[in-house]
Amino acid sequence: MLCGGTSDTKPATAETQDLVDQVKHELEEKENKKFPVFKATSFKSQVVAGTNYFVKVHVGGEEFIHVRLFQSLPHENKPVALHGYQTDKTKHDELTYF
């Protein structure tokens, strides 16, 4: 991984699922819809003054959303923040920096 660059794409973990679960409600409000499924499938990370996560999330049927989350450093004791998202993604769309 390049300094400041994103990691390679990795399979989602229980920790990744926990992170996306924390922003599900906020994303449903922004999109004005309920997601029948909200399962993290893969992710990339980027270490900054905390960690950015780029996560591919299956939201039902053939639909996926890419979310960008920021997890601050532990001593800051802040919740995970939704920093952006991209809709209309498919299972085969590559996770990229956004």
PDB file of N, CA and C in Angstrom:
ATOM      1  N   MET A   1       0.844  -1.179   0.000  1.00  0.00           N
ATOM      2  CA  MET A   1       0.000   0.000   0.000  1.00  0.00           C
ATOM      3  C   MET A   1       0.881   1.231   0.000  1.00  0.00           C
ATOM      4  N   LEU A   2       0.556   2.202  -0.834  1.00  0.00           N
ATOM      5  CA  LEU A   2       1.268   3.468  -0.856  1.00  0.00           C
ATOM      6  C   LEU A   2       0.925   4.276   0.380  1.00  0.00           C
ATOM      7  N   CYS A   3       1.870   5.045   0.847  1.00  0.00           N
ATOM      8  CA  CYS A   3       1.600   5.928   1.974  1.00  0.00           C
ATOM      9  C   CYS A   3       0.480   6.885   1.586  1.00  0.00           C
ATOM     10  N   GLY A   4      -0.607   6.862   2.335  1.00  0.00           N
ATOM     11  CA  GLY A   4      -1.754   7.708   2.016  1.00  0.00           C
ATOM     12  C   GLY A   4      -2.687   7.112   0.981  1.00  0.00           C
ATOM     13  N   GLY A   5      -2.259   6.031   0.317  1.00  0.00           N
ATOM     14  CA  GLY A   5      -3.101   5.398  -0.688  1.00  0.00           C
ATOM     15  C   GLY A   5      -4.045   4.393  -0.052  1.00  0.00           C
ATOM     16  N   THR A   6      -4.937   3.837  -0.861  1.00  0.00           N
ATOM     17  CA  THR A   6      -5.873   2.842  -0.340  1.00  0.00           C
ATOM     18  C   THR A   6      -5.261   1.451  -0.425  1.00  0.00           C
ATOM     19  N   SER A   7      -5.747   0.577   0.445  1.00  0.00           N
ATOM     20  CA  SER A   7      -5.313  -0.817   0.435  1.00  0.00           C
ATOM     21  C   SER A   7      -5.903  -1.517  -0.783  1.00  0.00           C
ATOM     22  N   ASP A   8      -5.476  -2.751  -0.993  1.00  0.00           N
ATOM     23  CA  ASP A   8      -6.131  -3.594  -1.983  1.00  0.00           C
ATOM     24  C   ASP A   8      -7.532  -3.920  -1.480  1.00  0.00           C
ATOM     25  N   THR A   9      -8.411  -4.329  -2.373  1.00  0.00           N
ATOM     26  CA  THR A   9      -9.758  -4.731  -1.978  1.00  0.00           C
ATOM     27  C   THR A   9      -9.675  -6.043  -1.210  1.00  0.00           C
ATOM     28  N   LYS A  10     -10.377  -6.081  -0.081  1.00  0.00           N
ATOM     29  CA  LYS A  10     -10.387  -7.262   0.782  1.00  0.00           C
ATOM     30  C   LYS A  10     -11.829  -7.681   1.033  1.00  0.00           C
ATOM     31  N   PRO A  11     -12.048  -8.963   1.363  1.00  0.00           N
ATOM     32  CA  PRO A  11     -13.402  -9.393   1.736  1.00  0.00           C
ATOM     33  C   PRO A  11     -13.827  -8.683   3.025  1.00  0.00           C
ATOM     34  N   ALA A  12     -15.096  -8.365   3.117  1.00  0.00           N
ATOM     35  CA  ALA A  12     -15.615  -7.709   4.314  1.00  0.00           C
ATOM     36  C   ALA A  12     -15.469  -8.627   5.525  1.00  0.00           C
ATOM     37  N   THR A  13     -15.291  -8.008   6.674  1.00  0.00           N
ATOM     38  CA  THR A  13     -15.144  -8.727   7.937  1.00  0.00           C
ATOM     39  C   THR A  13     -16.313  -8.363   8.855  1.00  0.00           C
ATOM     40  N   ALA A  14     -16.362  -8.973  10.018  1.00  0.00           N
ATOM     41  CA  ALA A  14     -17.384  -8.618  11.011  1.00  0.00           C
ATOM     42  C   ALA A  14     -17.227  -7.152  11.413  1.00  0.00           C
ATOM     43  N   GLU A  15     -15.975  -6.675  11.507  1.00  0.00           N
ATOM     44  CA  GLU A  15     -15.732  -5.269  11.858  1.00  0.00           C
ATOM     45  C   GLU A  15     -16.283  -4.345  10.766  1.00  0.00           C
ATOM     46  N   THR A  16     -16.071  -4.712   9.504  1.00  0.00           N
ATOM     47  CA  THR A  16     -16.588  -3.909   8.389  1.00  0.00           C
ATOM     48  C   THR A  16     -18.108  -3.849   8.449  1.00  0.00           C
ATOM     49  N   GLN A  17     -18.750  -4.996   8.709  1.00  0.00           N
ATOM     50  CA  GLN A  17     -20.207  -5.031   8.810  1.00  0.00           C
ATOM     51  C   GLN A  17     -20.683  -4.143   9.957  1.00  0.00           C
ATOM     52  N   ASP A  18     -19.986  -4.178  11.080  1.00  0.00           N
ATOM     53  CA  ASP A  18     -20.348  -3.333  12.212  1.00  0.00           C
ATOM     54  C   ASP A  18     -20.284  -1.857  11.831  1.00  0.00           C
ATOM     55  N   LEU A  19     -19.262  -1.465  11.085  1.00  0.00           N
ATOM     56  CA  LEU A  19     -19.125  -0.063  10.666  1.00  0.00           C
ATOM     57  C   LEU A  19     -20.297   0.369   9.785  1.00  0.00           C
ATOM     58  N   VAL A  20     -20.662  -0.449   8.788  1.00  0.00           N
ATOM     59  CA  VAL A  20     -21.760  -0.053   7.899  1.00  0.00           C
ATOM     60  C   VAL A  20     -23.103  -0.091   8.627  1.00  0.00           C
ATOM     61  N   ASP A  21     -23.240  -1.013   9.570  1.00  0.00           N
ATOM     62  CA  ASP A  21     -24.481  -1.058  10.356  1.00  0.00           C
ATOM     63  C   ASP A  21     -24.701   0.257  11.099  1.00  0.00           C
ATOM     64  N   GLN A  22     -23.615   0.908  11.517  1.00  0.00           N
ATOM     65  CA  GLN A  22     -23.712   2.149  12.275  1.00  0.00           C
ATOM     66  C   GLN A  22     -24.214   3.323  11.428  1.00  0.00           C
ATOM     67  N   VAL A  23     -24.125   3.223  10.102  1.00  0.00           N
ATOM     68  CA  VAL A  23     -24.583   4.327   9.245  1.00  0.00           C
ATOM     69  C   VAL A  23     -25.796   3.949   8.398  1.00  0.00           C
ATOM     70  N   LYS A  24     -26.318   2.737   8.572  1.00  0.00           N
ATOM     71  CA  LYS A  24     -27.451   2.277   7.759  1.00  0.00           C
ATOM     72  C   LYS A  24     -28.634   3.238   7.861  1.00  0.00           C
ATOM     73  N   HIS A  25     -29.031   3.592   9.071  1.00  0.00           N
ATOM     74  CA  HIS A  25     -30.195   4.455   9.266  1.00  0.00           C
ATOM     75  C   HIS A  25     -29.994   5.813   8.577  1.00  0.00           C
ATOM     76  N   GLU A  26     -28.819   6.387   8.724  1.00  0.00           N
ATOM     77  CA  GLU A  26     -28.518   7.681   8.086  1.00  0.00           C
ATOM     78  C   GLU A  26     -28.618   7.574   6.566  1.00  0.00           C
ATOM     79  N   LEU A  27     -28.100   6.504   6.009  1.00  0.00           N
ATOM     80  CA  LEU A  27     -28.143   6.306   4.559  1.00  0.00           C
ATOM     81  C   LEU A  27     -29.576   6.087   4.083  1.00  0.00           C
ATOM     82  N   GLU A  28     -30.372   5.340   4.851  1.00  0.00           N
ATOM     83  CA  GLU A  28     -31.778   5.146   4.485  1.00  0.00           C
ATOM     84  C   GLU A  28     -32.518   6.478   4.495  1.00  0.00           C
ATOM     85  N   GLU A  29     -32.208   7.346   5.444  1.00  0.00           N
ATOM     86  CA  GLU A  29     -32.844   8.671   5.477  1.00  0.00           C
ATOM     87  C   GLU A  29     -32.433   9.505   4.264  1.00  0.00           C
ATOM     88  N   LYS A  30     -31.145   9.475   3.929  1.00  0.00           N
ATOM     89  CA  LYS A  30     -30.659  10.259   2.782  1.00  0.00           C
ATOM     90  C   LYS A  30     -31.278   9.779   1.470  1.00  0.00           C
ATOM     91  N   GLU A  31     -31.469   8.478   1.336  1.00  0.00           N
ATOM     92  CA  GLU A  31     -32.031   7.891   0.120  1.00  0.00           C
ATOM     93  C   GLU A  31     -33.553   7.786   0.168  1.00  0.00           C
ATOM     94  N   ASN A  32     -34.137   8.057   1.329  1.00  0.00           N
ATOM     95  CA  ASN A  32     -35.578   7.987   1.535  1.00  0.00           C
ATOM     96  C   ASN A  32     -36.136   6.613   1.154  1.00  0.00           C
ATOM     97  N   LYS A  33     -35.433   5.562   1.610  1.00  0.00           N
ATOM     98  CA  LYS A  33     -35.902   4.196   1.376  1.00  0.00           C
ATOM     99  C   LYS A  33     -35.279   3.271   2.396  1.00  0.00           C
ATOM    100  N   LYS A  34     -35.941   2.139   2.604  1.00  0.00           N
ATOM    101  CA  LYS A  34     -35.435   1.101   3.502  1.00  0.00           C
ATOM    102  C   LYS A  34     -34.741   0.037   2.661  1.00  0.00           C
ATOM    103  N   PHE A  35     -33.588  -0.406   3.117  1.00  0.00           N
ATOM    104  CA  PHE A  35     -32.849  -1.445   2.411  1.00  0.00           C
ATOM    105  C   PHE A  35     -33.168  -2.800   3.043  1.00  0.00           C
ATOM    106  N   PRO A  36     -33.726  -3.741   2.251  1.00  0.00           N
ATOM    107  CA  PRO A  36     -34.089  -5.043   2.800  1.00  0.00           C
ATOM    108  C   PRO A  36     -32.859  -5.855   3.225  1.00  0.00           C
ATOM    109  N   VAL A  37     -31.747  -5.572   2.589  1.00  0.00           N
ATOM    110  CA  VAL A  37     -30.478  -6.232   2.877  1.00  0.00           C
ATOM    111  C   VAL A  37     -29.468  -5.101   3.055  1.00  0.00           C
ATOM    112  N   PHE A  38     -28.502  -5.273   3.924  1.00  0.00           N
ATOM    113  CA  PHE A  38     -27.444  -4.267   4.093  1.00  0.00           C
ATOM    114  C   PHE A  38     -26.191  -5.005   4.527  1.00  0.00           C
ATOM    115  N   LYS A  39     -25.571  -5.688   3.540  1.00  0.00           N
ATOM    116  CA  LYS A  39     -24.459  -6.582   3.841  1.00  0.00           C
ATOM    117  C   LYS A  39     -23.183  -6.110   3.162  1.00  0.00           C
ATOM    118  N   ALA A  40     -22.181  -5.794   3.972  1.00  0.00           N
ATOM    119  CA  ALA A  40     -20.863  -5.428   3.444  1.00  0.00           C
ATOM    120  C   ALA A  40     -20.266  -6.648   2.756  1.00  0.00           C
ATOM    121  N   THR A  41     -19.754  -6.455   1.533  1.00  0.00           N
ATOM    122  CA  THR A  41     -19.169  -7.590   0.811  1.00  0.00           C
ATOM    123  C   THR A  41     -17.665  -7.463   0.634  1.00  0.00           C
ATOM    124  N   SER A  42     -17.171  -6.222   0.468  1.00  0.00           N
ATOM    125  CA  SER A  42     -15.733  -6.011   0.325  1.00  0.00           C
ATOM    126  C   SER A  42     -15.411  -4.578   0.728  1.00  0.00           C
ATOM    127  N   PHE A  43     -14.110  -4.313   0.941  1.00  0.00           N
ATOM    128  CA  PHE A  43     -13.729  -2.971   1.353  1.00  0.00           C
ATOM    129  C   PHE A  43     -12.272  -2.669   1.012  1.00  0.00           C
ATOM    130  N   LYS A  44     -11.967  -1.389   0.994  1.00  0.00           N
ATOM    131  CA  LYS A  44     -10.601  -0.870   0.939  1.00  0.00           C
ATOM    132  C   LYS A  44     -10.472   0.078   2.119  1.00  0.00           C
ATOM    133  N   SER A  45      -9.261   0.250   2.610  1.00  0.00           N
ATOM    134  CA  SER A  45      -9.066   1.196   3.700  1.00  0.00           C
ATOM    135  C   SER A  45      -7.919   2.138   3.357  1.00  0.00           C
ATOM    136  N   GLN A  46      -7.916   3.273   4.029  1.00  0.00           N
ATOM    137  CA  GLN A  46      -6.884   4.288   3.835  1.00  0.00           C
ATOM    138  C   GLN A  46      -6.601   4.906   5.202  1.00  0.00           C
ATOM    139  N   VAL A  47      -5.359   4.780   5.638  1.00  0.00           N
ATOM    140  CA  VAL A  47      -4.984   5.355   6.919  1.00  0.00           C
ATOM    141  C   VAL A  47      -4.657   6.824   6.717  1.00  0.00           C
ATOM    142  N   VAL A  48      -5.366   7.670   7.454  1.00  0.00           N
ATOM    143  CA  VAL A  48      -5.132   9.123   7.455  1.00  0.00           C
ATOM    144  C   VAL A  48      -5.039   9.498   8.937  1.00  0.00           C
ATOM    145  N   ALA A  49      -5.630  10.555   9.379  1.00  0.00           N
ATOM    146  CA  ALA A  49      -5.689  10.860  10.818  1.00  0.00           C
ATOM    147  C   ALA A  49      -6.894  10.114  11.378  1.00  0.00           C
ATOM    148  N   GLY A  50      -6.879   8.827  11.224  1.00  0.00           N
ATOM    149  CA  GLY A  50      -7.976   7.909  11.462  1.00  0.00           C
ATOM    150  C   GLY A  50      -7.956   6.967  10.271  1.00  0.00           C
ATOM    151  N   THR A  51      -9.094   6.389   9.926  1.00  0.00           N
ATOM    152  CA  THR A  51      -9.142   5.480   8.780  1.00  0.00           C
ATOM    153  C   THR A  51     -10.378   5.755   7.936  1.00  0.00           C
ATOM    154  N   ASN A  52     -10.152   5.904   6.625  1.00  0.00           N
ATOM    155  CA  ASN A  52     -11.253   5.948   5.663  1.00  0.00           C
ATOM    156  C   ASN A  52     -11.514   4.513   5.216  1.00  0.00           C
ATOM    157  N   TYR A  53     -12.787   4.162   5.129  1.00  0.00           N
ATOM    158  CA  TYR A  53     -13.184   2.857   4.599  1.00  0.00           C
ATOM    159  C   TYR A  53     -14.067   3.087   3.386  1.00  0.00           C
ATOM    160  N   PHE A  54     -13.770   2.376   2.324  1.00  0.00           N
ATOM    161  CA  PHE A  54     -14.596   2.372   1.116  1.00  0.00           C
ATOM    162  C   PHE A  54     -15.192   0.967   1.068  1.00  0.00           C
ATOM    163  N   VAL A  55     -16.512   0.875   1.240  1.00  0.00           N
ATOM    164  CA  VAL A  55     -17.150  -0.431   1.412  1.00  0.00           C
ATOM    165  C   VAL A  55     -18.230  -0.652   0.366  1.00  0.00           C
ATOM    166  N   LYS A  56     -18.200  -1.833  -0.246  1.00  0.00           N
ATOM    167  CA  LYS A  56     -19.264  -2.246  -1.170  1.00  0.00           C
ATOM    168  C   LYS A  56     -20.325  -2.944  -0.337  1.00  0.00           C
ATOM    169  N   VAL A  57     -21.566  -2.441  -0.414  1.00  0.00           N
ATOM    170  CA  VAL A  57     -22.659  -2.956   0.403  1.00  0.00           C
ATOM    171  C   VAL A  57     -23.784  -3.462  -0.500  1.00  0.00           C
ATOM    172  N   HIS A  58     -24.181  -4.720  -0.304  1.00  0.00           N
ATOM    173  CA  HIS A  58     -25.314  -5.284  -1.032  1.00  0.00           C
ATOM    174  C   HIS A  58     -26.584  -4.800  -0.351  1.00  0.00           C
ATOM    175  N   VAL A  59     -27.493  -4.179  -1.109  1.00  0.00           N
ATOM    176  CA  VAL A  59     -28.713  -3.617  -0.515  1.00  0.00           C
ATOM    177  C   VAL A  59     -29.987  -4.286  -1.038  1.00  0.00           C
ATOM    178  N   GLY A  60     -29.847  -5.441  -1.681  1.00  0.00           N
ATOM    179  CA  GLY A  60     -31.009  -6.195  -2.148  1.00  0.00           C
ATOM    180  C   GLY A  60     -30.996  -6.386  -3.648  1.00  0.00           C
ATOM    181  N   GLY A  61     -31.498  -7.522  -4.086  1.00  0.00           N
ATOM    182  CA  GLY A  61     -31.550  -7.834  -5.516  1.00  0.00           C
ATOM    183  C   GLY A  61     -30.161  -7.766  -6.125  1.00  0.00           C
ATOM    184  N   GLU A  62     -30.057  -7.020  -7.213  1.00  0.00           N
ATOM    185  CA  GLU A  62     -28.761  -6.844  -7.872  1.00  0.00           C
ATOM    186  C   GLU A  62     -28.130  -5.499  -7.508  1.00  0.00           C
ATOM    187  N   GLU A  63     -28.719  -4.801  -6.522  1.00  0.00           N
ATOM    188  CA  GLU A  63     -28.263  -3.457  -6.157  1.00  0.00           C
ATOM    189  C   GLU A  63     -27.154  -3.458  -5.110  1.00  0.00           C
ATOM    190  N   PHE A  64     -26.189  -2.584  -5.354  1.00  0.00           N
ATOM    191  CA  PHE A  64     -25.100  -2.358  -4.416  1.00  0.00           C
ATOM    192  C   PHE A  64     -24.918  -0.851  -4.262  1.00  0.00           C
ATOM    193  N   ILE A  65     -24.382  -0.461  -3.120  1.00  0.00           N
ATOM    194  CA  ILE A  65     -24.008   0.927  -2.852  1.00  0.00           C
ATOM    195  C   ILE A  65     -22.570   0.903  -2.368  1.00  0.00           C
ATOM    196  N   HIS A  66     -21.791   1.898  -2.781  1.00  0.00           N
ATOM    197  CA  HIS A  66     -20.448   2.068  -2.242  1.00  0.00           C
ATOM    198  C   HIS A  66     -20.520   3.181  -1.215  1.00  0.00           C
ATOM    199  N   VAL A  67     -20.021   2.922  -0.006  1.00  0.00           N
ATOM    200  CA  VAL A  67     -20.044   3.938   1.044  1.00  0.00           C
ATOM    201  C   VAL A  67     -18.625   4.283   1.460  1.00  0.00           C
ATOM    202  N   ARG A  68     -18.441   5.546   1.812  1.00  0.00           N
ATOM    203  CA  ARG A  68     -17.161   6.018   2.346  1.00  0.00           C
ATOM    204  C   ARG A  68     -17.405   6.401   3.795  1.00  0.00           C
ATOM    205  N   LEU A  69     -16.693   5.719   4.696  1.00  0.00           N
ATOM    206  CA  LEU A  69     -16.832   5.940   6.123  1.00  0.00           C
ATOM    207  C   LEU A  69     -15.518   6.448   6.688  1.00  0.00           C
ATOM    208  N   PHE A  70     -15.609   7.220   7.753  1.00  0.00           N
ATOM    209  CA  PHE A  70     -14.405   7.665   8.447  1.00  0.00           C
ATOM    210  C   PHE A  70     -14.495   7.250   9.899  1.00  0.00           C
ATOM    211  N   GLN A  71     -13.473   6.536  10.338  1.00  0.00           N
ATOM    212  CA  GLN A  71     -13.374   6.149  11.741  1.00  0.00           C
ATOM    213  C   GLN A  71     -12.201   6.919  12.339  1.00  0.00           C
ATOM    214  N   SER A  72     -12.518   7.794  13.290  1.00  0.00           N
ATOM    215  CA  SER A  72     -11.476   8.606  13.913  1.00  0.00           C
ATOM    216  C   SER A  72     -10.585   7.735  14.797  1.00  0.00           C
ATOM    217  N   LEU A  73      -9.503   8.318  15.259  1.00  0.00           N
ATOM    218  CA  LEU A  73      -8.586   7.607  16.139  1.00  0.00           C
ATOM    219  C   LEU A  73      -9.299   7.280  17.453  1.00  0.00           C
ATOM    220  N   PRO A  74      -8.951   6.140  18.061  1.00  0.00           N
ATOM    221  CA  PRO A  74      -9.665   5.696  19.264  1.00  0.00           C
ATOM    222  C   PRO A  74      -9.743   6.737  20.384  1.00  0.00           C
ATOM    223  N   HIS A  75      -8.674   7.478  20.610  1.00  0.00           N
ATOM    224  CA  HIS A  75      -8.689   8.435  21.720  1.00  0.00           C
ATOM    225  C   HIS A  75      -9.653   9.611  21.505  1.00  0.00           C
ATOM    226  N   GLU A  76     -10.099   9.809  20.255  1.00  0.00           N
ATOM    227  CA  GLU A  76     -11.049  10.891  19.970  1.00  0.00           C
ATOM    228  C   GLU A  76     -12.476  10.514  20.362  1.00  0.00           C
ATOM    229  N   ASN A  77     -12.734   9.200  20.498  1.00  0.00           N
ATOM    230  CA  ASN A  77     -14.018   8.698  20.964  1.00  0.00           C
ATOM    231  C   ASN A  77     -15.205   9.280  20.192  1.00  0.00           C
ATOM    232  N   LYS A  78     -15.118   9.240  18.865  1.00  0.00           N
ATOM    233  CA  LYS A  78     -16.185   9.753  18.002  1.00  0.00           C
ATOM    234  C   LYS A  78     -16.836   8.587  17.260  1.00  0.00           C
ATOM    235  N   PRO A  79     -18.111   8.733  16.906  1.00  0.00           N
ATOM    236  CA  PRO A  79     -18.765   7.663  16.140  1.00  0.00           C
ATOM    237  C   PRO A  79     -18.263   7.639  14.692  1.00  0.00           C
ATOM    238  N   VAL A  80     -18.506   6.531  14.032  1.00  0.00           N
ATOM    239  CA  VAL A  80     -18.180   6.390  12.615  1.00  0.00           C
ATOM    240  C   VAL A  80     -19.005   7.412  11.832  1.00  0.00           C
ATOM    241  N   ALA A  81     -18.376   8.068  10.860  1.00  0.00           N
ATOM    242  CA  ALA A  81     -19.067   9.100  10.079  1.00  0.00           C
ATOM    243  C   ALA A  81     -19.218   8.652   8.627  1.00  0.00           C
ATOM    244  N   LEU A  82     -20.401   8.876   8.074  1.00  0.00           N
ATOM    245  CA  LEU A  82     -20.655   8.638   6.659  1.00  0.00           C
ATOM    246  C   LEU A  82     -20.150   9.862   5.899  1.00  0.00           C
ATOM    247  N   HIS A  83     -19.092   9.688   5.092  1.00  0.00           N
ATOM    248  CA  HIS A  83     -18.507  10.809   4.359  1.00  0.00           C
ATOM    249  C   HIS A  83     -18.923  10.860   2.901  1.00  0.00           C
ATOM    250  N   GLY A  84     -19.637   9.857   2.442  1.00  0.00           N
ATOM    251  CA  GLY A  84     -20.125   9.867   1.069  1.00  0.00           C
ATOM    252  C   GLY A  84     -20.613   8.493   0.665  1.00  0.00           C
ATOM    253  N   TYR A  85     -21.328   8.476  -0.438  1.00  0.00           N
ATOM    254  CA  TYR A  85     -21.793   7.192  -0.964  1.00  0.00           C
ATOM    255  C   TYR A  85     -22.117   7.334  -2.442  1.00  0.00           C
ATOM    256  N   GLN A  86     -22.130   6.195  -3.124  1.00  0.00           N
ATOM    257  CA  GLN A  86     -22.463   6.135  -4.545  1.00  0.00           C
ATOM    258  C   GLN A  86     -23.503   5.046  -4.731  1.00  0.00           C
ATOM    259  N   THR A  87     -24.593   5.386  -5.413  1.00  0.00           N
ATOM    260  CA  THR A  87     -25.672   4.425  -5.659  1.00  0.00           C
ATOM    261  C   THR A  87     -25.540   3.843  -7.065  1.00  0.00           C
ATOM    262  N   ASP A  88     -26.467   2.967  -7.404  1.00  0.00           N
ATOM    263  CA  ASP A  88     -26.534   2.337  -8.733  1.00  0.00           C
ATOM    264  C   ASP A  88     -25.252   1.581  -9.078  1.00  0.00           C
ATOM    265  N   LYS A  89     -24.723   0.864  -8.106  1.00  0.00           N
ATOM    266  CA  LYS A  89     -23.534   0.050  -8.326  1.00  0.00           C
ATOM    267  C   LYS A  89     -23.962  -1.401  -8.499  1.00  0.00           C
ATOM    268  N   THR A  90     -23.081  -2.196  -9.105  1.00  0.00           N
ATOM    269  CA  THR A  90     -23.339  -3.618  -9.288  1.00  0.00           C
ATOM    270  C   THR A  90     -22.288  -4.424  -8.543  1.00  0.00           C
ATOM    271  N   LYS A  91     -22.497  -5.710  -8.480  1.00  0.00           N
ATOM    272  CA  LYS A  91     -21.559  -6.614  -7.812  1.00  0.00           C
ATOM    273  C   LYS A  91     -20.163  -6.501  -8.413  1.00  0.00           C
ATOM    274  N   HIS A  92     -20.084  -6.184  -9.700  1.00  0.00           N
ATOM    275  CA  HIS A  92     -18.807  -6.192 -10.396  1.00  0.00           C
ATOM    276  C   HIS A  92     -18.139  -4.820 -10.488  1.00  0.00           C
ATOM    277  N   ASP A  93     -18.804  -3.762 -10.019  1.00  0.00           N
ATOM    278  CA  ASP A  93     -18.181  -2.432 -10.041  1.00  0.00           C
ATOM    279  C   ASP A  93     -17.027  -2.388  -9.050  1.00  0.00           C
ATOM    280  N   GLU A  94     -15.906  -1.841  -9.509  1.00  0.00           N
ATOM    281  CA  GLU A  94     -14.708  -1.764  -8.665  1.00  0.00           C
ATOM    282  C   GLU A  94     -14.868  -0.662  -7.615  1.00  0.00           C
ATOM    283  N   LEU A  95     -14.402  -0.946  -6.409  1.00  0.00           N
ATOM    284  CA  LEU A  95     -14.360   0.092  -5.377  1.00  0.00           C
ATOM    285  C   LEU A  95     -13.226   1.052  -5.711  1.00  0.00           C
ATOM    286  N   THR A  96     -13.547   2.320  -5.785  1.00  0.00           N
ATOM    287  CA  THR A  96     -12.534   3.333  -6.081  1.00  0.00           C
ATOM    288  C   THR A  96     -12.616   4.443  -5.053  1.00  0.00           C
ATOM    289  N   TYR A  97     -11.585   5.253  -4.991  1.00  0.00           N
ATOM    290  CA  TYR A  97     -11.558   6.400  -4.087  1.00  0.00           C
ATOM    291  C   TYR A  97     -12.607   7.405  -4.557  1.00  0.00           C
ATOM    292  N   PHE A  98     -13.384   7.923  -3.654  1.00  0.00           N
ATOM    293  CA  PHE A  98     -14.320   9.013  -3.972  1.00  0.00           C
ATOM    294  C   PHE A  98     -14.495   9.897  -2.779  1.00  0.00           C
TER     295      PHE A  98
END
